[in-house]
Amino acid sequence: MNSDDTNYMRNVNNILRKNRRILMDLNPDGKNRVGREKLVGRGFDFKYFTSLYTTKEGSQYIYCYEQGYLQIENGYYLLVVKKEFLG
């Protein structure tokens, strides 16, 4: 009865974990700039994320757990980590 829901949730969670892992690998210092091609080349799926944060200026950060990104210029993204998760 729950197998469809369980499979769907498992698939979504796997995509989210993969996205998080990709962001972590490309952002070892907590702040980095990376091209869209590099993210896509690693299998990043922009349709899946866990939260959005909009600044007062209207910039929108997209997060996959604590790992986030902000689209900047010319197909580049600023990779960030939520401050409360930094040790």
PDB file of N, CA and C in Angstrom:
ATOM      1  N   MET A   1       0.815  -1.190   0.000  1.00  0.00           N
ATOM      2  CA  MET A   1       0.000   0.000   0.000  1.00  0.00           C
ATOM      3  C   MET A   1       0.869   1.268   0.000  1.00  0.00           C
ATOM      4  N   ASN A   2       1.910   1.280   0.785  1.00  0.00           N
ATOM      5  CA  ASN A   2       2.778   2.452   0.881  1.00  0.00           C
ATOM      6  C   ASN A   2       3.980   2.390  -0.054  1.00  0.00           C
ATOM      7  N   SER A   3       4.082   1.344  -0.845  1.00  0.00           N
ATOM      8  CA  SER A   3       5.298   1.172  -1.642  1.00  0.00           C
ATOM      9  C   SER A   3       5.496   2.290  -2.655  1.00  0.00           C
ATOM     10  N   ASP A   4       4.423   2.794  -3.287  1.00  0.00           N
ATOM     11  CA  ASP A   4       4.569   3.897  -4.236  1.00  0.00           C
ATOM     12  C   ASP A   4       5.102   5.142  -3.544  1.00  0.00           C
ATOM     13  N   ASP A   5       4.514   5.480  -2.390  1.00  0.00           N
ATOM     14  CA  ASP A   5       4.988   6.634  -1.627  1.00  0.00           C
ATOM     15  C   ASP A   5       6.426   6.433  -1.181  1.00  0.00           C
ATOM     16  N   THR A   6       6.724   5.250  -0.703  1.00  0.00           N
ATOM     17  CA  THR A   6       8.063   4.959  -0.204  1.00  0.00           C
ATOM     18  C   THR A   6       9.090   5.057  -1.321  1.00  0.00           C
ATOM     19  N   ASN A   7       8.799   4.495  -2.482  1.00  0.00           N
ATOM     20  CA  ASN A   7       9.730   4.575  -3.611  1.00  0.00           C
ATOM     21  C   ASN A   7       9.923   6.011  -4.059  1.00  0.00           C
ATOM     22  N   TYR A   8       8.846   6.780  -4.139  1.00  0.00           N
ATOM     23  CA  TYR A   8       8.946   8.180  -4.538  1.00  0.00           C
ATOM     24  C   TYR A   8       9.817   8.958  -3.545  1.00  0.00           C
ATOM     25  N   MET A   9       9.544   8.773  -2.267  1.00  0.00           N
ATOM     26  CA  MET A   9      10.317   9.478  -1.237  1.00  0.00           C
ATOM     27  C   MET A   9      11.782   9.059  -1.273  1.00  0.00           C
ATOM     28  N   ARG A  10      12.037   7.787  -1.459  1.00  0.00           N
ATOM     29  CA  ARG A  10      13.411   7.303  -1.527  1.00  0.00           C
ATOM     30  C   ARG A  10      14.134   7.937  -2.713  1.00  0.00           C
ATOM     31  N   ASN A  11      13.466   8.007  -3.870  1.00  0.00           N
ATOM     32  CA  ASN A  11      14.073   8.599  -5.056  1.00  0.00           C
ATOM     33  C   ASN A  11      14.372  10.085  -4.856  1.00  0.00           C
ATOM     34  N   VAL A  12      13.424  10.821  -4.284  1.00  0.00           N
ATOM     35  CA  VAL A  12      13.631  12.251  -4.025  1.00  0.00           C
ATOM     36  C   VAL A  12      14.763  12.446  -3.020  1.00  0.00           C
ATOM     37  N   ASN A  13      14.779  11.672  -1.955  1.00  0.00           N
ATOM     38  CA  ASN A  13      15.847  11.791  -0.958  1.00  0.00           C
ATOM     39  C   ASN A  13      17.213  11.479  -1.562  1.00  0.00           C
ATOM     40  N   ASN A  14      17.267  10.507  -2.450  1.00  0.00           N
ATOM     41  CA  ASN A  14      18.535  10.192  -3.122  1.00  0.00           C
ATOM     42  C   ASN A  14      19.014  11.361  -3.980  1.00  0.00           C
ATOM     43  N   ILE A  15      18.095  12.013  -4.687  1.00  0.00           N
ATOM     44  CA  ILE A  15      18.458  13.177  -5.505  1.00  0.00           C
ATOM     45  C   ILE A  15      18.948  14.313  -4.607  1.00  0.00           C
ATOM     46  N   LEU A  16      18.256  14.572  -3.500  1.00  0.00           N
ATOM     47  CA  LEU A  16      18.668  15.631  -2.575  1.00  0.00           C
ATOM     48  C   LEU A  16      20.045  15.343  -1.986  1.00  0.00           C
ATOM     49  N   ARG A  17      20.296  14.104  -1.600  1.00  0.00           N
ATOM     50  CA  ARG A  17      21.608  13.739  -1.066  1.00  0.00           C
ATOM     51  C   ARG A  17      22.700  13.923  -2.109  1.00  0.00           C
ATOM     52  N   LYS A  18      22.403  13.544  -3.342  1.00  0.00           N
ATOM     53  CA  LYS A  18      23.381  13.708  -4.421  1.00  0.00           C
ATOM     54  C   LYS A  18      23.669  15.186  -4.661  1.00  0.00           C
ATOM     55  N   ASN A  19      22.619  16.017  -4.714  1.00  0.00           N
ATOM     56  CA  ASN A  19      22.808  17.458  -4.892  1.00  0.00           C
ATOM     57  C   ASN A  19      23.667  18.029  -3.770  1.00  0.00           C
ATOM     58  N   ARG A  20      23.383  17.650  -2.536  1.00  0.00           N
ATOM     59  CA  ARG A  20      24.146  18.143  -1.389  1.00  0.00           C
ATOM     60  C   ARG A  20      25.606  17.740  -1.502  1.00  0.00           C
ATOM     61  N   ARG A  21      25.839  16.503  -1.863  1.00  0.00           N
ATOM     62  CA  ARG A  21      27.205  15.996  -2.007  1.00  0.00           C
ATOM     63  C   ARG A  21      27.965  16.770  -3.082  1.00  0.00           C
ATOM     64  N   ILE A  22      27.313  17.053  -4.202  1.00  0.00           N
ATOM     65  CA  ILE A  22      27.943  17.812  -5.290  1.00  0.00           C
ATOM     66  C   ILE A  22      28.310  19.212  -4.798  1.00  0.00           C
ATOM     67  N   LEU A  23      27.377  19.886  -4.116  1.00  0.00           N
ATOM     68  CA  LEU A  23      27.647  21.225  -3.601  1.00  0.00           C
ATOM     69  C   LEU A  23      28.798  21.203  -2.594  1.00  0.00           C
ATOM     70  N   MET A  24      28.822  20.203  -1.733  1.00  0.00           N
ATOM     71  CA  MET A  24      29.907  20.094  -0.750  1.00  0.00           C
ATOM     72  C   MET A  24      31.254  19.888  -1.432  1.00  0.00           C
ATOM     73  N   ASP A  25      31.291  19.029  -2.441  1.00  0.00           N
ATOM     74  CA  ASP A  25      32.546  18.746  -3.148  1.00  0.00           C
ATOM     75  C   ASP A  25      33.081  19.987  -3.854  1.00  0.00           C
ATOM     76  N   LEU A  26      32.190  20.788  -4.408  1.00  0.00           N
ATOM     77  CA  LEU A  26      32.605  21.977  -5.164  1.00  0.00           C
ATOM     78  C   LEU A  26      32.813  23.198  -4.281  1.00  0.00           C
ATOM     79  N   ASN A  27      32.516  23.081  -2.993  1.00  0.00           N
ATOM     80  CA  ASN A  27      32.587  24.221  -2.082  1.00  0.00           C
ATOM     81  C   ASN A  27      33.300  23.847  -0.779  1.00  0.00           C
ATOM     82  N   PRO A  28      34.563  23.428  -0.860  1.00  0.00           N
ATOM     83  CA  PRO A  28      35.250  22.958   0.347  1.00  0.00           C
ATOM     84  C   PRO A  28      35.524  24.054   1.383  1.00  0.00           C
ATOM     85  N   ASP A  29      35.566  25.320   0.959  1.00  0.00           N
ATOM     86  CA  ASP A  29      35.907  26.413   1.873  1.00  0.00           C
ATOM     87  C   ASP A  29      34.697  27.204   2.367  1.00  0.00           C
ATOM     88  N   GLY A  30      33.487  26.811   1.979  1.00  0.00           N
ATOM     89  CA  GLY A  30      32.283  27.482   2.453  1.00  0.00           C
ATOM     90  C   GLY A  30      31.792  28.611   1.576  1.00  0.00           C
ATOM     91  N   LYS A  31      32.570  28.985   0.565  1.00  0.00           N
ATOM     92  CA  LYS A  31      32.139  30.021  -0.372  1.00  0.00           C
ATOM     93  C   LYS A  31      32.962  29.854  -1.648  1.00  0.00           C
ATOM     94  N   ASN A  32      32.273  29.677  -2.761  1.00  0.00           N
ATOM     95  CA  ASN A  32      32.968  29.428  -4.024  1.00  0.00           C
ATOM     96  C   ASN A  32      32.084  29.852  -5.176  1.00  0.00           C
ATOM     97  N   ARG A  33      32.685  30.056  -6.321  1.00  0.00           N
ATOM     98  CA  ARG A  33      31.973  30.415  -7.550  1.00  0.00           C
ATOM     99  C   ARG A  33      32.185  29.286  -8.552  1.00  0.00           C
ATOM    100  N   VAL A  34      31.093  28.836  -9.165  1.00  0.00           N
ATOM    101  CA  VAL A  34      31.200  27.697 -10.080  1.00  0.00           C
ATOM    102  C   VAL A  34      30.240  27.895 -11.249  1.00  0.00           C
ATOM    103  N   GLY A  35      30.617  27.374 -12.409  1.00  0.00           N
ATOM    104  CA  GLY A  35      29.781  27.466 -13.597  1.00  0.00           C
ATOM    105  C   GLY A  35      28.694  26.405 -13.614  1.00  0.00           C
ATOM    106  N   ARG A  36      27.606  26.723 -14.276  1.00  0.00           N
ATOM    107  CA  ARG A  36      26.479  25.801 -14.394  1.00  0.00           C
ATOM    108  C   ARG A  36      26.905  24.479 -15.023  1.00  0.00           C
ATOM    109  N   GLU A  37      27.781  24.545 -16.019  1.00  0.00           N
ATOM    110  CA  GLU A  37      28.223  23.323 -16.713  1.00  0.00           C
ATOM    111  C   GLU A  37      28.868  22.337 -15.761  1.00  0.00           C
ATOM    112  N   LYS A  38      29.624  22.858 -14.801  1.00  0.00           N
ATOM    113  CA  LYS A  38      30.281  21.977 -13.837  1.00  0.00           C
ATOM    114  C   LYS A  38      29.251  21.271 -12.962  1.00  0.00           C
ATOM    115  N   LEU A  39      28.226  22.007 -12.511  1.00  0.00           N
ATOM    116  CA  LEU A  39      27.168  21.401 -11.705  1.00  0.00           C
ATOM    117  C   LEU A  39      26.404  20.342 -12.506  1.00  0.00           C
ATOM    118  N   VAL A  40      25.995  20.704 -13.703  1.00  0.00           N
ATOM    119  CA  VAL A  40      25.237  19.777 -14.555  1.00  0.00           C
ATOM    120  C   VAL A  40      26.094  18.566 -14.915  1.00  0.00           C
ATOM    121  N   GLY A  41      27.358  18.808 -15.187  1.00  0.00           N
ATOM    122  CA  GLY A  41      28.268  17.721 -15.532  1.00  0.00           C
ATOM    123  C   GLY A  41      28.418  16.692 -14.432  1.00  0.00           C
ATOM    124  N   ARG A  42      28.237  17.122 -13.214  1.00  0.00           N
ATOM    125  CA  ARG A  42      28.325  16.199 -12.068  1.00  0.00           C
ATOM    126  C   ARG A  42      26.989  15.543 -11.755  1.00  0.00           C
ATOM    127  N   GLY A  43      25.940  15.956 -12.464  1.00  0.00           N
ATOM    128  CA  GLY A  43      24.628  15.342 -12.253  1.00  0.00           C
ATOM    129  C   GLY A  43      23.716  16.118 -11.327  1.00  0.00           C
ATOM    130  N   PHE A  44      24.028  17.400 -11.079  1.00  0.00           N
ATOM    131  CA  PHE A  44      23.189  18.218 -10.202  1.00  0.00           C
ATOM    132  C   PHE A  44      21.825  18.432 -10.838  1.00  0.00           C
ATOM    133  N   ASP A  45      20.759  18.292 -10.047  1.00  0.00           N
ATOM    134  CA  ASP A  45      19.386  18.459 -10.536  1.00  0.00           C
ATOM    135  C   ASP A  45      18.781  19.699  -9.881  1.00  0.00           C
ATOM    136  N   PHE A  46      18.649  20.783 -10.660  1.00  0.00           N
ATOM    137  CA  PHE A  46      18.185  22.065 -10.142  1.00  0.00           C
ATOM    138  C   PHE A  46      16.718  22.053  -9.703  1.00  0.00           C
ATOM    139  N   LYS A  47      15.976  21.023 -10.061  1.00  0.00           N
ATOM    140  CA  LYS A  47      14.557  20.969  -9.693  1.00  0.00           C
ATOM    141  C   LYS A  47      14.343  20.548  -8.240  1.00  0.00           C
ATOM    142  N   TYR A  48      15.373  20.017  -7.608  1.00  0.00           N
ATOM    143  CA  TYR A  48      15.213  19.490  -6.243  1.00  0.00           C
ATOM    144  C   TYR A  48      16.054  20.287  -5.262  1.00  0.00           C
ATOM    145  N   PHE A  49      15.407  20.807  -4.226  1.00  0.00           N
ATOM    146  CA  PHE A  49      16.066  21.571  -3.173  1.00  0.00           C
ATOM    147  C   PHE A  49      15.189  21.495  -1.932  1.00  0.00           C
ATOM    148  N   THR A  50      15.739  21.923  -0.801  1.00  0.00           N
ATOM    149  CA  THR A  50      14.991  21.801   0.452  1.00  0.00           C
ATOM    150  C   THR A  50      14.418  23.121   0.943  1.00  0.00           C
ATOM    151  N   SER A  51      15.023  24.258   0.583  1.00  0.00           N
ATOM    152  CA  SER A  51      14.482  25.536   1.039  1.00  0.00           C
ATOM    153  C   SER A  51      14.980  26.688   0.180  1.00  0.00           C
ATOM    154  N   LEU A  52      14.274  27.808   0.307  1.00  0.00           N
ATOM    155  CA  LEU A  52      14.629  29.057  -0.378  1.00  0.00           C
ATOM    156  C   LEU A  52      14.809  30.140   0.667  1.00  0.00           C
ATOM    157  N   TYR A  53      15.730  31.057   0.394  1.00  0.00           N
ATOM    158  CA  TYR A  53      15.897  32.221   1.259  1.00  0.00           C
ATOM    159  C   TYR A  53      16.002  33.450   0.370  1.00  0.00           C
ATOM    160  N   THR A  54      15.111  34.410   0.565  1.00  0.00           N
ATOM    161  CA  THR A  54      15.128  35.639  -0.214  1.00  0.00           C
ATOM    162  C   THR A  54      15.637  36.772   0.672  1.00  0.00           C
ATOM    163  N   THR A  55      16.670  37.470   0.186  1.00  0.00           N
ATOM    164  CA  THR A  55      17.235  38.580   0.945  1.00  0.00           C
ATOM    165  C   THR A  55      16.349  39.808   0.810  1.00  0.00           C
ATOM    166  N   LYS A  56      16.631  40.833   1.612  1.00  0.00           N
ATOM    167  CA  LYS A  56      15.883  42.090   1.527  1.00  0.00           C
ATOM    168  C   LYS A  56      16.014  42.723   0.151  1.00  0.00           C
ATOM    169  N   GLU A  57      17.154  42.490  -0.506  1.00  0.00           N
ATOM    170  CA  GLU A  57      17.396  43.044  -1.840  1.00  0.00           C
ATOM    171  C   GLU A  57      16.710  42.239  -2.942  1.00  0.00           C
ATOM    172  N   GLY A  58      16.164  41.074  -2.591  1.00  0.00           N
ATOM    173  CA  GLY A  58      15.454  40.251  -3.559  1.00  0.00           C
ATOM    174  C   GLY A  58      16.255  39.116  -4.151  1.00  0.00           C
ATOM    175  N   SER A  59      17.502  38.944  -3.726  1.00  0.00           N
ATOM    176  CA  SER A  59      18.296  37.805  -4.184  1.00  0.00           C
ATOM    177  C   SER A  59      17.736  36.535  -3.557  1.00  0.00           C
ATOM    178  N   GLN A  60      17.721  35.456  -4.337  1.00  0.00           N
ATOM    179  CA  GLN A  60      17.138  34.217  -3.826  1.00  0.00           C
ATOM    180  C   GLN A  60      18.186  33.107  -3.767  1.00  0.00           C
ATOM    181  N   TYR A  61      18.501  32.703  -2.535  1.00  0.00           N
ATOM    182  CA  TYR A  61      19.405  31.583  -2.310  1.00  0.00           C
ATOM    183  C   TYR A  61      18.572  30.313  -2.276  1.00  0.00           C
ATOM    184  N   ILE A  62      19.068  29.295  -2.924  1.00  0.00           N
ATOM    185  CA  ILE A  62      18.402  27.996  -2.962  1.00  0.00           C
ATOM    186  C   ILE A  62      19.276  27.017  -2.189  1.00  0.00           C
ATOM    187  N   TYR A  63      18.674  26.295  -1.254  1.00  0.00           N
ATOM    188  CA  TYR A  63      19.429  25.396  -0.388  1.00  0.00           C
ATOM    189  C   TYR A  63      19.036  23.943  -0.585  1.00  0.00           C
ATOM    190  N   CYS A  64      20.043  23.112  -0.465  1.00  0.00           N
ATOM    191  CA  CYS A  64      19.870  21.676  -0.353  1.00  0.00           C
ATOM    192  C   CYS A  64      20.462  21.335   1.009  1.00  0.00           C
ATOM    193  N   TYR A  65      19.592  21.279   2.007  1.00  0.00           N
ATOM    194  CA  TYR A  65      19.982  21.185   3.409  1.00  0.00           C
ATOM    195  C   TYR A  65      20.788  22.439   3.752  1.00  0.00           C
ATOM    196  N   GLU A  66      22.025  22.312   4.231  1.00  0.00           N
ATOM    197  CA  GLU A  66      22.787  23.499   4.602  1.00  0.00           C
ATOM    198  C   GLU A  66      23.615  24.074   3.453  1.00  0.00           C
ATOM    199  N   GLN A  67      23.714  23.345   2.367  1.00  0.00           N
ATOM    200  CA  GLN A  67      24.486  23.781   1.200  1.00  0.00           C
ATOM    201  C   GLN A  67      23.590  24.586   0.265  1.00  0.00           C
ATOM    202  N   GLY A  68      24.052  25.768  -0.129  1.00  0.00           N
ATOM    203  CA  GLY A  68      23.206  26.615  -0.951  1.00  0.00           C
ATOM    204  C   GLY A  68      23.930  27.207  -2.136  1.00  0.00           C
ATOM    205  N   TYR A  69      23.130  27.844  -3.010  1.00  0.00           N
ATOM    206  CA  TYR A  69      23.702  28.531  -4.168  1.00  0.00           C
ATOM    207  C   TYR A  69      22.817  29.705  -4.556  1.00  0.00           C
ATOM    208  N   LEU A  70      23.466  30.668  -5.186  1.00  0.00           N
ATOM    209  CA  LEU A  70      22.808  31.872  -5.673  1.00  0.00           C
ATOM    210  C   LEU A  70      23.246  32.058  -7.114  1.00  0.00           C
ATOM    211  N   GLN A  71      22.288  32.170  -8.020  1.00  0.00           N
ATOM    212  CA  GLN A  71      22.648  32.415  -9.413  1.00  0.00           C
ATOM    213  C   GLN A  71      23.181  33.832  -9.534  1.00  0.00           C
ATOM    214  N   ILE A  72      24.372  33.971 -10.090  1.00  0.00           N
ATOM    215  CA  ILE A  72      24.952  35.300 -10.270  1.00  0.00           C
ATOM    216  C   ILE A  72      24.957  35.627 -11.754  1.00  0.00           C
ATOM    217  N   GLU A  73      26.074  35.924 -12.355  1.00  0.00           N
ATOM    218  CA  GLU A  73      26.076  36.360 -13.749  1.00  0.00           C
ATOM    219  C   GLU A  73      26.642  35.303 -14.687  1.00  0.00           C
ATOM    220  N   ASN A  74      26.220  35.384 -15.944  1.00  0.00           N
ATOM    221  CA  ASN A  74      26.792  34.588 -17.038  1.00  0.00           C
ATOM    222  C   ASN A  74      26.870  33.093 -16.759  1.00  0.00           C
ATOM    223  N   GLY A  75      25.819  32.520 -16.191  1.00  0.00           N
ATOM    224  CA  GLY A  75      25.797  31.077 -15.957  1.00  0.00           C
ATOM    225  C   GLY A  75      26.630  30.626 -14.773  1.00  0.00           C
ATOM    226  N   TYR A  76      26.959  31.537 -13.883  1.00  0.00           N
ATOM    227  CA  TYR A  76      27.732  31.185 -12.696  1.00  0.00           C
ATOM    228  C   TYR A  76      26.858  31.232 -11.451  1.00  0.00           C
ATOM    229  N   TYR A  77      27.283  30.448 -10.463  1.00  0.00           N
ATOM    230  CA  TYR A  77      26.577  30.361  -9.194  1.00  0.00           C
ATOM    231  C   TYR A  77      27.568  30.588  -8.063  1.00  0.00           C
ATOM    232  N   LEU A  78      27.107  31.292  -7.041  1.00  0.00           N
ATOM    233  CA  LEU A  78      27.866  31.460  -5.818  1.00  0.00           C
ATOM    234  C   LEU A  78      27.410  30.363  -4.863  1.00  0.00           C
ATOM    235  N   LEU A  79      28.338  29.515  -4.447  1.00  0.00           N
ATOM    236  CA  LEU A  79      28.029  28.433  -3.517  1.00  0.00           C
ATOM    237  C   LEU A  79      28.296  28.916  -2.101  1.00  0.00           C
ATOM    238  N   VAL A  80      27.386  28.616  -1.200  1.00  0.00           N
ATOM    239  CA  VAL A  80      27.491  29.067   0.192  1.00  0.00           C
ATOM    240  C   VAL A  80      27.053  27.939   1.124  1.00  0.00           C
ATOM    241  N   VAL A  81      27.316  28.143   2.415  1.00  0.00           N
ATOM    242  CA  VAL A  81      26.856  27.224   3.462  1.00  0.00           C
ATOM    243  C   VAL A  81      26.131  28.076   4.490  1.00  0.00           C
ATOM    244  N   LYS A  82      24.978  27.608   4.972  1.00  0.00           N
ATOM    245  CA  LYS A  82      24.245  28.338   6.013  1.00  0.00           C
ATOM    246  C   LYS A  82      25.148  28.521   7.222  1.00  0.00           C
ATOM    247  N   LYS A  83      25.214  29.728   7.717  1.00  0.00           N
ATOM    248  CA  LYS A  83      26.143  30.079   8.804  1.00  0.00           C
ATOM    249  C   LYS A  83      25.912  29.259  10.069  1.00  0.00           C
ATOM    250  N   GLU A  84      24.674  28.961  10.406  1.00  0.00           N
ATOM    251  CA  GLU A  84      24.434  28.238  11.652  1.00  0.00           C
ATOM    252  C   GLU A  84      24.966  26.817  11.621  1.00  0.00           C
ATOM    253  N   PHE A  85      25.357  26.331  10.435  1.00  0.00           N
ATOM    254  CA  PHE A  85      25.905  24.989  10.331  1.00  0.00           C
ATOM    255  C   PHE A  85      27.431  24.979  10.292  1.00  0.00           C
ATOM    256  N   LEU A  86      28.046  26.162  10.231  1.00  0.00           N
ATOM    257  CA  LEU A  86      29.494  26.236  10.236  1.00  0.00           C
ATOM    258  C   LEU A  86      30.013  26.065  11.656  1.00  0.00           C
ATOM    259  N   GLY A  87      31.065  25.272  11.789  1.00  0.00           N
ATOM    260  CA  GLY A  87      31.591  25.008  13.112  1.00  0.00           C
ATOM    261  C   GLY A  87      32.514  26.061  13.489  1.00  0.00           C
TER     262      GLY A  87
END
